[in-house]
Amino acid sequence: MVWFLNGLVCKVLNLVPRHQEIVARILGDEYARTITVLIGISEIMMAVWVLSKYKSKFNAVVQMVIVLTMNLLEYYIAPDLLFWGRMNIVFALFFIGLVYYNEFILKEHS
């Protein structure tokens, strides 16, 4: 749900403009809207991939790498645009831990 809502609501529909501002800060203004929409579509596709359960372990690793990379970039380049500032990294690490726990701990025991 996180991927779908972030992709559609925040990026594609641009209901949370600071996402586009972050993209502009990191990649420049010229194509920020286009890149933001493409990121949003990619996040929607990630939601579909998660729901499909296709190669779920690989999917979990991809999610963790994407979230960590994105949050490190934002931490260093655009902390003033983040909802919780540099503390966003704490929530990102919690999300990464949740993905890891769900895929590599819970599924191993079920």
N, C-alpha and C. Protein backbone atom coordinates (compact mmCIF):
# COMPACT_ATOMS: atom_id res chain seq x y z
N MET A 1 0.82 -1.19 0.00
CA MET A 1 0.00 0.00 0.00
C MET A 1 0.87 1.26 0.00
N VAL A 2 1.99 1.21 0.72
CA VAL A 2 2.89 2.36 0.79
C VAL A 2 3.36 2.75 -0.61
N TRP A 3 3.78 1.76 -1.39
CA TRP A 3 4.28 2.06 -2.74
C TRP A 3 3.17 2.64 -3.61
N PHE A 4 1.99 2.04 -3.56
CA PHE A 4 0.88 2.50 -4.39
C PHE A 4 0.47 3.93 -4.04
N LEU A 5 0.27 4.20 -2.77
CA LEU A 5 -0.17 5.54 -2.35
C LEU A 5 0.89 6.60 -2.62
N ASN A 6 2.13 6.30 -2.28
CA ASN A 6 3.20 7.26 -2.56
C ASN A 6 3.32 7.53 -4.05
N GLY A 7 3.24 6.48 -4.84
CA GLY A 7 3.37 6.64 -6.29
C GLY A 7 2.23 7.43 -6.89
N LEU A 8 1.00 7.02 -6.60
CA LEU A 8 -0.16 7.66 -7.23
C LEU A 8 -0.46 9.03 -6.62
N VAL A 9 -0.66 9.06 -5.33
CA VAL A 9 -1.12 10.29 -4.68
C VAL A 9 -0.03 11.35 -4.63
N CYS A 10 1.14 10.97 -4.14
CA CYS A 10 2.20 11.96 -3.93
C CYS A 10 2.90 12.38 -5.21
N LYS A 11 3.09 11.45 -6.12
CA LYS A 11 3.93 11.76 -7.29
C LYS A 11 3.13 11.94 -8.57
N VAL A 12 2.35 10.97 -8.96
CA VAL A 12 1.61 11.08 -10.23
C VAL A 12 0.57 12.20 -10.16
N LEU A 13 -0.24 12.20 -9.10
CA LEU A 13 -1.27 13.23 -8.95
C LEU A 13 -0.72 14.53 -8.37
N ASN A 14 0.51 14.49 -7.88
CA ASN A 14 1.22 15.66 -7.33
C ASN A 14 0.45 16.33 -6.18
N LEU A 15 -0.20 15.52 -5.36
CA LEU A 15 -0.94 16.07 -4.22
C LEU A 15 -0.01 16.41 -3.05
N VAL A 16 1.24 15.97 -3.15
CA VAL A 16 2.26 16.34 -2.16
C VAL A 16 3.45 16.90 -2.95
N PRO A 17 3.39 18.19 -3.28
CA PRO A 17 4.38 18.81 -4.17
C PRO A 17 5.83 18.73 -3.70
N ARG A 18 6.06 18.53 -2.42
CA ARG A 18 7.45 18.49 -1.97
C ARG A 18 8.20 17.29 -2.55
N HIS A 19 7.49 16.25 -2.98
CA HIS A 19 8.16 15.13 -3.64
C HIS A 19 8.82 15.60 -4.93
N GLN A 20 8.11 16.41 -5.68
CA GLN A 20 8.69 16.96 -6.91
C GLN A 20 9.81 17.94 -6.58
N GLU A 21 9.67 18.68 -5.50
CA GLU A 21 10.73 19.60 -5.08
C GLU A 21 12.00 18.83 -4.72
N ILE A 22 11.85 17.68 -4.10
CA ILE A 22 13.01 16.85 -3.76
C ILE A 22 13.68 16.36 -5.03
N VAL A 23 12.89 15.89 -5.99
CA VAL A 23 13.44 15.45 -7.27
C VAL A 23 14.17 16.61 -7.95
N ALA A 24 13.58 17.78 -7.93
CA ALA A 24 14.20 18.96 -8.55
C ALA A 24 15.52 19.29 -7.87
N ARG A 25 15.55 19.19 -6.57
CA ARG A 25 16.77 19.49 -5.82
C ARG A 25 17.89 18.51 -6.18
N ILE A 26 17.53 17.25 -6.33
CA ILE A 26 18.53 16.21 -6.59
C ILE A 26 18.93 16.16 -8.07
N LEU A 27 17.94 16.26 -8.97
CA LEU A 27 18.21 16.06 -10.40
C LEU A 27 18.07 17.31 -11.27
N GLY A 28 17.60 18.41 -10.68
CA GLY A 28 17.44 19.65 -11.44
C GLY A 28 15.98 19.90 -11.80
N ASP A 29 15.68 21.17 -12.07
CA ASP A 29 14.30 21.60 -12.32
C ASP A 29 13.73 21.20 -13.68
N GLU A 30 14.59 21.13 -14.68
CA GLU A 30 14.10 21.01 -16.06
C GLU A 30 13.14 19.85 -16.28
N TYR A 31 13.47 18.69 -15.79
CA TYR A 31 12.62 17.52 -16.02
C TYR A 31 12.04 16.96 -14.72
N ALA A 32 11.99 17.77 -13.68
CA ALA A 32 11.56 17.29 -12.36
C ALA A 32 10.15 16.70 -12.41
N ARG A 33 9.22 17.36 -13.09
CA ARG A 33 7.84 16.84 -13.13
C ARG A 33 7.80 15.49 -13.84
N THR A 34 8.44 15.41 -14.98
CA THR A 34 8.44 14.16 -15.76
C THR A 34 9.09 13.03 -14.96
N ILE A 35 10.22 13.32 -14.34
CA ILE A 35 10.92 12.29 -13.57
C ILE A 35 10.09 11.89 -12.35
N THR A 36 9.43 12.85 -11.72
CA THR A 36 8.59 12.55 -10.57
C THR A 36 7.45 11.62 -10.96
N VAL A 37 6.82 11.88 -12.10
CA VAL A 37 5.74 11.01 -12.58
C VAL A 37 6.29 9.61 -12.89
N LEU A 38 7.46 9.53 -13.51
CA LEU A 38 8.06 8.23 -13.81
C LEU A 38 8.39 7.47 -12.52
N ILE A 39 8.89 8.18 -11.52
CA ILE A 39 9.13 7.54 -10.22
C ILE A 39 7.82 7.04 -9.63
N GLY A 40 6.76 7.86 -9.73
CA GLY A 40 5.45 7.46 -9.23
C GLY A 40 4.92 6.21 -9.92
N ILE A 41 5.07 6.16 -11.23
CA ILE A 41 4.63 4.98 -11.98
C ILE A 41 5.44 3.76 -11.56
N SER A 42 6.74 3.96 -11.35
CA SER A 42 7.60 2.86 -10.88
C SER A 42 7.16 2.36 -9.51
N GLU A 43 6.75 3.28 -8.65
CA GLU A 43 6.27 2.88 -7.32
C GLU A 43 4.96 2.11 -7.41
N ILE A 44 4.10 2.50 -8.32
CA ILE A 44 2.85 1.75 -8.53
C ILE A 44 3.17 0.34 -9.05
N MET A 45 4.15 0.27 -9.95
CA MET A 45 4.57 -1.04 -10.47
C MET A 45 5.17 -1.89 -9.35
N MET A 46 5.88 -1.25 -8.42
CA MET A 46 6.44 -1.98 -7.28
C MET A 46 5.30 -2.57 -6.45
N ALA A 47 4.23 -1.81 -6.25
CA ALA A 47 3.08 -2.31 -5.50
C ALA A 47 2.48 -3.55 -6.17
N VAL A 48 2.37 -3.50 -7.49
CA VAL A 48 1.84 -4.65 -8.25
C VAL A 48 2.78 -5.84 -8.08
N TRP A 49 4.09 -5.59 -8.15
CA TRP A 49 5.07 -6.66 -7.98
C TRP A 49 4.95 -7.28 -6.59
N VAL A 50 4.82 -6.45 -5.56
CA VAL A 50 4.67 -6.96 -4.19
C VAL A 50 3.44 -7.85 -4.09
N LEU A 51 2.32 -7.37 -4.63
CA LEU A 51 1.07 -8.14 -4.56
C LEU A 51 1.14 -9.44 -5.36
N SER A 52 1.92 -9.46 -6.43
CA SER A 52 2.03 -10.65 -7.27
C SER A 52 2.82 -11.77 -6.57
N LYS A 53 3.66 -11.40 -5.62
CA LYS A 53 4.52 -12.34 -4.89
C LYS A 53 5.54 -13.03 -5.80
N TYR A 54 5.76 -12.48 -6.97
CA TYR A 54 6.73 -13.02 -7.92
C TYR A 54 8.14 -12.67 -7.43
N LYS A 55 8.97 -13.69 -7.26
CA LYS A 55 10.34 -13.50 -6.78
C LYS A 55 10.37 -12.56 -5.59
N SER A 56 9.63 -12.94 -4.57
CA SER A 56 9.42 -12.05 -3.42
C SER A 56 10.70 -11.71 -2.66
N LYS A 57 11.63 -12.64 -2.57
CA LYS A 57 12.88 -12.33 -1.87
C LYS A 57 13.68 -11.27 -2.65
N PHE A 58 13.77 -11.43 -3.95
CA PHE A 58 14.46 -10.44 -4.77
C PHE A 58 13.73 -9.10 -4.68
N ASN A 59 12.42 -9.14 -4.70
CA ASN A 59 11.61 -7.93 -4.56
C ASN A 59 11.92 -7.23 -3.24
N ALA A 60 12.01 -7.98 -2.17
CA ALA A 60 12.30 -7.39 -0.86
C ALA A 60 13.67 -6.71 -0.86
N VAL A 61 14.66 -7.36 -1.45
CA VAL A 61 16.00 -6.76 -1.53
C VAL A 61 15.95 -5.48 -2.35
N VAL A 62 15.26 -5.51 -3.48
CA VAL A 62 15.13 -4.31 -4.31
C VAL A 62 14.47 -3.18 -3.53
N GLN A 63 13.41 -3.49 -2.81
CA GLN A 63 12.73 -2.47 -1.99
C GLN A 63 13.68 -1.86 -0.97
N MET A 64 14.42 -2.72 -0.27
CA MET A 64 15.32 -2.23 0.77
C MET A 64 16.42 -1.34 0.19
N VAL A 65 16.98 -1.75 -0.95
CA VAL A 65 18.04 -0.95 -1.59
C VAL A 65 17.48 0.39 -2.07
N ILE A 66 16.31 0.38 -2.70
CA ILE A 66 15.70 1.61 -3.19
C ILE A 66 15.40 2.57 -2.04
N VAL A 67 14.79 2.07 -0.99
CA VAL A 67 14.42 2.93 0.14
C VAL A 67 15.68 3.51 0.80
N LEU A 68 16.71 2.68 0.99
CA LEU A 68 17.93 3.17 1.61
C LEU A 68 18.62 4.21 0.73
N THR A 69 18.74 3.92 -0.56
CA THR A 69 19.38 4.86 -1.48
C THR A 69 18.64 6.18 -1.53
N MET A 70 17.33 6.11 -1.71
CA MET A 70 16.52 7.33 -1.79
C MET A 70 16.65 8.15 -0.52
N ASN A 71 16.58 7.50 0.62
CA ASN A 71 16.63 8.23 1.89
C ASN A 71 18.01 8.80 2.19
N LEU A 72 19.06 8.11 1.79
CA LEU A 72 20.41 8.67 1.97
C LEU A 72 20.60 9.91 1.09
N LEU A 73 20.14 9.84 -0.15
CA LEU A 73 20.21 11.02 -1.03
C LEU A 73 19.46 12.20 -0.41
N GLU A 74 18.25 11.94 0.04
CA GLU A 74 17.43 12.99 0.64
C GLU A 74 18.07 13.51 1.94
N TYR A 75 18.64 12.64 2.72
CA TYR A 75 19.27 13.01 3.99
C TYR A 75 20.38 14.04 3.76
N TYR A 76 21.16 13.82 2.71
CA TYR A 76 22.31 14.70 2.45
C TYR A 76 21.99 15.89 1.55
N ILE A 77 21.03 15.72 0.63
CA ILE A 77 20.79 16.77 -0.37
C ILE A 77 19.56 17.63 -0.08
N ALA A 78 18.53 17.04 0.52
CA ALA A 78 17.28 17.79 0.69
C ALA A 78 16.62 17.57 2.05
N PRO A 79 17.36 17.60 3.15
CA PRO A 79 16.73 17.32 4.44
C PRO A 79 15.66 18.34 4.83
N ASP A 80 15.79 19.56 4.36
CA ASP A 80 14.81 20.60 4.69
C ASP A 80 13.46 20.36 4.03
N LEU A 81 13.41 19.50 3.02
CA LEU A 81 12.15 19.22 2.32
C LEU A 81 11.45 17.96 2.85
N LEU A 82 12.11 17.26 3.76
CA LEU A 82 11.53 16.04 4.30
C LEU A 82 10.56 16.35 5.42
N PHE A 83 9.54 15.53 5.53
CA PHE A 83 8.49 15.73 6.53
C PHE A 83 9.07 15.79 7.94
N TRP A 84 9.97 14.86 8.25
CA TRP A 84 10.60 14.84 9.57
C TRP A 84 12.07 15.24 9.51
N GLY A 85 12.46 15.92 8.47
CA GLY A 85 13.86 16.32 8.33
C GLY A 85 14.77 15.10 8.27
N ARG A 86 15.92 15.23 8.89
CA ARG A 86 16.88 14.12 8.86
C ARG A 86 16.38 12.90 9.63
N MET A 87 15.37 13.08 10.47
CA MET A 87 14.79 11.94 11.21
C MET A 87 14.04 10.99 10.27
N ASN A 88 13.78 11.39 9.04
CA ASN A 88 13.15 10.49 8.07
C ASN A 88 13.92 9.19 7.93
N ILE A 89 15.25 9.26 8.10
CA ILE A 89 16.07 8.07 7.95
C ILE A 89 15.68 6.99 8.97
N VAL A 90 15.21 7.42 10.13
CA VAL A 90 14.77 6.46 11.16
C VAL A 90 13.56 5.68 10.67
N PHE A 91 12.60 6.39 10.07
CA PHE A 91 11.41 5.73 9.55
C PHE A 91 11.75 4.84 8.35
N ALA A 92 12.71 5.29 7.55
CA ALA A 92 13.16 4.47 6.42
C ALA A 92 13.78 3.17 6.92
N LEU A 93 14.61 3.26 7.94
CA LEU A 93 15.24 2.06 8.48
C LEU A 93 14.20 1.14 9.12
N PHE A 94 13.19 1.72 9.74
CA PHE A 94 12.09 0.91 10.29
C PHE A 94 11.37 0.17 9.16
N PHE A 95 11.07 0.87 8.05
CA PHE A 95 10.41 0.25 6.90
C PHE A 95 11.27 -0.86 6.32
N ILE A 96 12.57 -0.61 6.18
CA ILE A 96 13.49 -1.62 5.67
C ILE A 96 13.47 -2.84 6.59
N GLY A 97 13.50 -2.61 7.88
CA GLY A 97 13.44 -3.71 8.85
C GLY A 97 12.15 -4.50 8.73
N LEU A 98 11.06 -3.81 8.53
CA LEU A 98 9.76 -4.46 8.37
C LEU A 98 9.72 -5.33 7.12
N VAL A 99 10.24 -4.81 6.01
CA VAL A 99 10.30 -5.59 4.76
C VAL A 99 11.17 -6.83 4.99
N TYR A 100 12.32 -6.63 5.60
CA TYR A 100 13.23 -7.75 5.88
C TYR A 100 12.55 -8.80 6.77
N TYR A 101 11.98 -8.34 7.87
CA TYR A 101 11.32 -9.25 8.82
C TYR A 101 10.20 -10.03 8.13
N ASN A 102 9.38 -9.34 7.36
CA ASN A 102 8.25 -9.99 6.69
C ASN A 102 8.73 -11.05 5.70
N GLU A 103 9.74 -10.74 4.92
CA GLU A 103 10.16 -11.65 3.85
C GLU A 103 11.12 -12.73 4.33
N PHE A 104 12.07 -12.39 5.18
CA PHE A 104 13.13 -13.32 5.52
C PHE A 104 12.97 -13.99 6.88
N ILE A 105 12.12 -13.48 7.74
CA ILE A 105 11.92 -14.11 9.06
C ILE A 105 10.54 -14.79 9.11
N LEU A 106 9.48 -13.99 8.92
CA LEU A 106 8.12 -14.55 9.01
C LEU A 106 7.87 -15.65 8.00
N LYS A 107 8.24 -15.44 6.76
CA LYS A 107 7.97 -16.45 5.73
C LYS A 107 8.78 -17.72 5.93
N GLU A 108 9.94 -17.60 6.56
CA GLU A 108 10.76 -18.79 6.83
C GLU A 108 10.11 -19.68 7.88
N HIS A 109 9.31 -19.06 8.76
CA HIS A 109 8.70 -19.80 9.86
C HIS A 109 7.25 -20.21 9.60
N SER A 110 6.77 -19.93 8.40
CA SER A 110 5.36 -20.29 8.12
C SER A 110 5.26 -21.42 7.13
